[in-house]
Amino acid sequence: MGEIDRRSALMFCVATAGTTLVATNPTVAEPYRPDEGKELAPGVRLVEVSEREAMHGRDSVLPGYKRIKIFDIVFQPKVRHKDDAMRNDMVCQCVDGEMRLDHRDGHPFTVKRNDVWTCVKGEPEDTENIGDGAAIMRVINLMPA
């Protein structure tokens, strides 16, 4: 085997670091087992991701909200799910897949990977996985004070 020069060693280190960054990127959904989390309905599961009540020794920096709770909702292919009322204000992101959403306001919309949207407490939401694989909706649930 020939000698490794500095340029080759540097390129190897950069490639290794890049692979590590991609592998640990928190925006990339980790696949869930079919039985992981809590079943909300057939083909729909809720997986808790994270929760925080205080921010660095003080109450939440968002007025009106005491804590945040993050969870993923996994929709199997072609599954439809209706929710008549959001329990809290939320920020949602399509982490994987493609979904059609309808807040029953006459403006249904489609989201794909990395799209983001909001939901208001009390608002209904109908969700349909329109892709061929599982779709994952990440929900940042804003819990009132």
Protein backbone atom coordinates (compact mmCIF):
# COMPACT_ATOMS: atom_id res chain seq x y z
CA MET A 1 0.00 0.00 0.00
CA GLY A 2 1.37 3.43 -0.94
CA GLU A 3 2.00 6.35 1.35
CA ILE A 4 -0.86 8.62 2.32
CA ASP A 5 -0.09 12.27 1.69
CA ARG A 6 -1.53 15.16 3.70
CA ARG A 7 -4.16 15.97 1.06
CA SER A 8 -5.49 12.40 1.06
CA ALA A 9 -5.56 12.33 4.86
CA LEU A 10 -7.38 15.67 4.96
CA MET A 11 -9.96 14.50 2.42
CA PHE A 12 -10.51 11.31 4.41
CA CYS A 13 -11.11 13.37 7.59
CA VAL A 14 -13.54 15.71 5.82
CA ALA A 15 -15.47 12.78 4.34
CA THR A 16 -15.63 11.06 7.73
CA ALA A 17 -16.79 14.24 9.49
CA GLY A 18 -19.46 14.84 6.82
CA THR A 19 -20.78 11.32 7.23
CA THR A 20 -20.95 11.79 10.99
CA LEU A 21 -22.84 15.07 10.63
CA VAL A 22 -25.39 13.53 8.28
CA ALA A 23 -25.81 10.50 10.52
CA THR A 24 -26.49 12.66 13.59
CA ASN A 25 -28.60 15.37 11.93
CA PRO A 26 -31.63 15.87 14.21
CA THR A 27 -33.87 16.89 11.31
CA VAL A 28 -33.54 13.45 9.72
CA ALA A 29 -36.24 11.15 11.04
CA GLU A 30 -35.16 7.88 12.46
CA PRO A 31 -37.39 5.06 11.27
CA TYR A 32 -39.69 3.74 13.96
CA ARG A 33 -40.64 0.16 14.60
CA PRO A 34 -44.25 -0.62 13.63
CA ASP A 35 -45.10 -1.15 17.33
CA GLU A 36 -43.19 1.85 18.70
CA GLY A 37 -45.12 4.56 20.52
CA LYS A 38 -48.82 4.72 21.26
CA GLU A 39 -51.42 3.69 18.70
CA LEU A 40 -53.88 6.55 18.05
CA ALA A 41 -55.81 4.69 15.35
CA PRO A 42 -55.07 1.80 12.98
CA GLY A 43 -51.93 2.79 11.04
CA VAL A 44 -51.31 5.93 13.14
CA ARG A 45 -48.81 5.99 16.03
CA LEU A 46 -47.57 8.75 18.35
CA VAL A 47 -43.93 8.62 19.45
CA GLU A 48 -42.77 11.00 22.20
CA VAL A 49 -39.52 12.77 21.29
CA SER A 50 -38.78 15.46 23.91
CA GLU A 51 -40.28 17.74 26.55
CA ARG A 52 -39.02 20.81 28.39
CA GLU A 53 -40.76 22.81 31.08
CA ALA A 54 -38.32 25.63 31.82
CA MET A 55 -35.63 27.38 29.83
CA HIS A 56 -32.29 27.75 31.63
CA GLY A 57 -33.81 28.28 35.08
CA ARG A 58 -36.62 30.57 33.98
CA ASP A 59 -40.11 30.15 32.62
CA SER A 60 -40.58 29.72 28.90
CA VAL A 61 -39.48 32.66 26.78
CA LEU A 62 -42.70 32.41 24.74
CA PRO A 63 -45.42 34.44 26.45
CA GLY A 64 -48.44 32.33 27.36
CA TYR A 65 -46.66 28.96 27.12
CA LYS A 66 -45.12 27.14 30.05
CA ARG A 67 -43.50 24.23 28.23
CA ILE A 68 -43.06 22.52 24.92
CA LYS A 69 -43.56 18.89 24.07
CA ILE A 70 -42.32 17.33 20.84
CA PHE A 71 -43.65 14.15 19.34
CA ASP A 72 -43.77 12.42 15.99
CA ILE A 73 -46.92 11.02 14.48
CA VAL A 74 -46.25 8.17 12.07
CA PHE A 75 -48.84 7.55 9.35
CA GLN A 76 -48.68 4.31 7.40
CA PRO A 77 -49.22 4.52 3.61
CA LYS A 78 -52.69 5.60 2.45
CA VAL A 79 -53.96 6.07 6.04
CA ARG A 80 -56.43 8.87 6.82
CA HIS A 81 -56.84 10.34 10.28
CA LYS A 82 -59.32 12.94 11.54
CA ASP A 83 -58.80 15.12 14.60
CA ASP A 84 -61.76 17.30 15.50
CA ALA A 85 -59.86 19.79 17.65
CA MET A 86 -56.19 20.57 18.29
CA ARG A 87 -55.58 20.53 22.03
CA ASN A 88 -52.97 23.31 21.91
CA ASP A 89 -51.29 25.68 19.48
CA MET A 90 -48.70 23.74 17.49
CA VAL A 91 -45.94 24.07 14.94
CA CYS A 92 -45.73 21.01 12.69
CA GLN A 93 -43.18 19.75 10.19
CA CYS A 94 -43.31 16.95 7.65
CA VAL A 95 -40.16 15.05 8.57
CA ASP A 96 -40.65 12.33 5.98
CA GLY A 97 -43.16 11.39 3.31
CA GLU A 98 -46.01 13.35 1.76
CA MET A 99 -49.33 14.25 3.36
CA ARG A 100 -52.52 16.09 2.44
CA LEU A 101 -53.95 18.22 5.25
CA ASP A 102 -57.29 19.88 5.64
CA HIS A 103 -58.20 22.24 8.48
CA ARG A 104 -61.77 22.21 7.11
CA ASP A 105 -61.50 25.88 6.16
CA GLY A 106 -61.84 25.35 2.41
CA HIS A 107 -58.07 25.41 1.80
CA PRO A 108 -56.61 21.87 1.91
CA PHE A 109 -52.87 21.69 1.25
CA THR A 110 -50.13 19.16 0.58
CA VAL A 111 -46.87 18.96 2.52
CA LYS A 112 -43.67 17.19 1.64
CA ARG A 113 -40.45 16.54 3.53
CA ASN A 114 -39.28 19.63 5.51
CA ASP A 115 -42.48 21.65 4.93
CA VAL A 116 -43.75 23.42 8.06
CA TRP A 117 -47.20 24.71 9.10
CA THR A 118 -49.10 25.79 12.20
CA CYS A 119 -52.26 24.65 13.94
CA VAL A 120 -54.41 26.67 16.32
CA LYS A 121 -56.00 25.30 19.48
CA GLY A 122 -59.53 24.08 18.72
CA GLU A 123 -58.92 23.82 14.96
CA PRO A 124 -59.73 20.49 13.27
CA GLU A 125 -57.22 18.69 11.08
CA ASP A 126 -57.73 15.83 8.66
CA THR A 127 -54.49 14.15 7.59
CA GLU A 128 -53.93 11.66 4.78
CA ASN A 129 -50.65 9.98 3.91
CA ILE A 130 -50.63 10.22 0.11
CA GLY A 131 -47.16 8.69 -0.35
CA ASP A 132 -46.07 5.11 -0.84
CA GLY A 133 -44.10 4.90 2.44
CA ALA A 134 -44.67 5.93 6.03
CA ALA A 135 -45.06 9.67 6.60
CA ILE A 136 -43.85 11.35 9.78
CA MET A 137 -45.32 14.56 11.16
CA ARG A 138 -43.20 16.22 13.87
CA VAL A 139 -45.38 18.23 16.26
CA ILE A 140 -44.02 20.96 18.52
CA ASN A 141 -46.86 21.23 21.00
CA LEU A 142 -46.97 24.61 22.78
CA MET A 143 -48.37 23.93 26.25
CA PRO A 144 -50.20 26.87 27.85
CA ALA A 145 -49.03 28.44 31.11
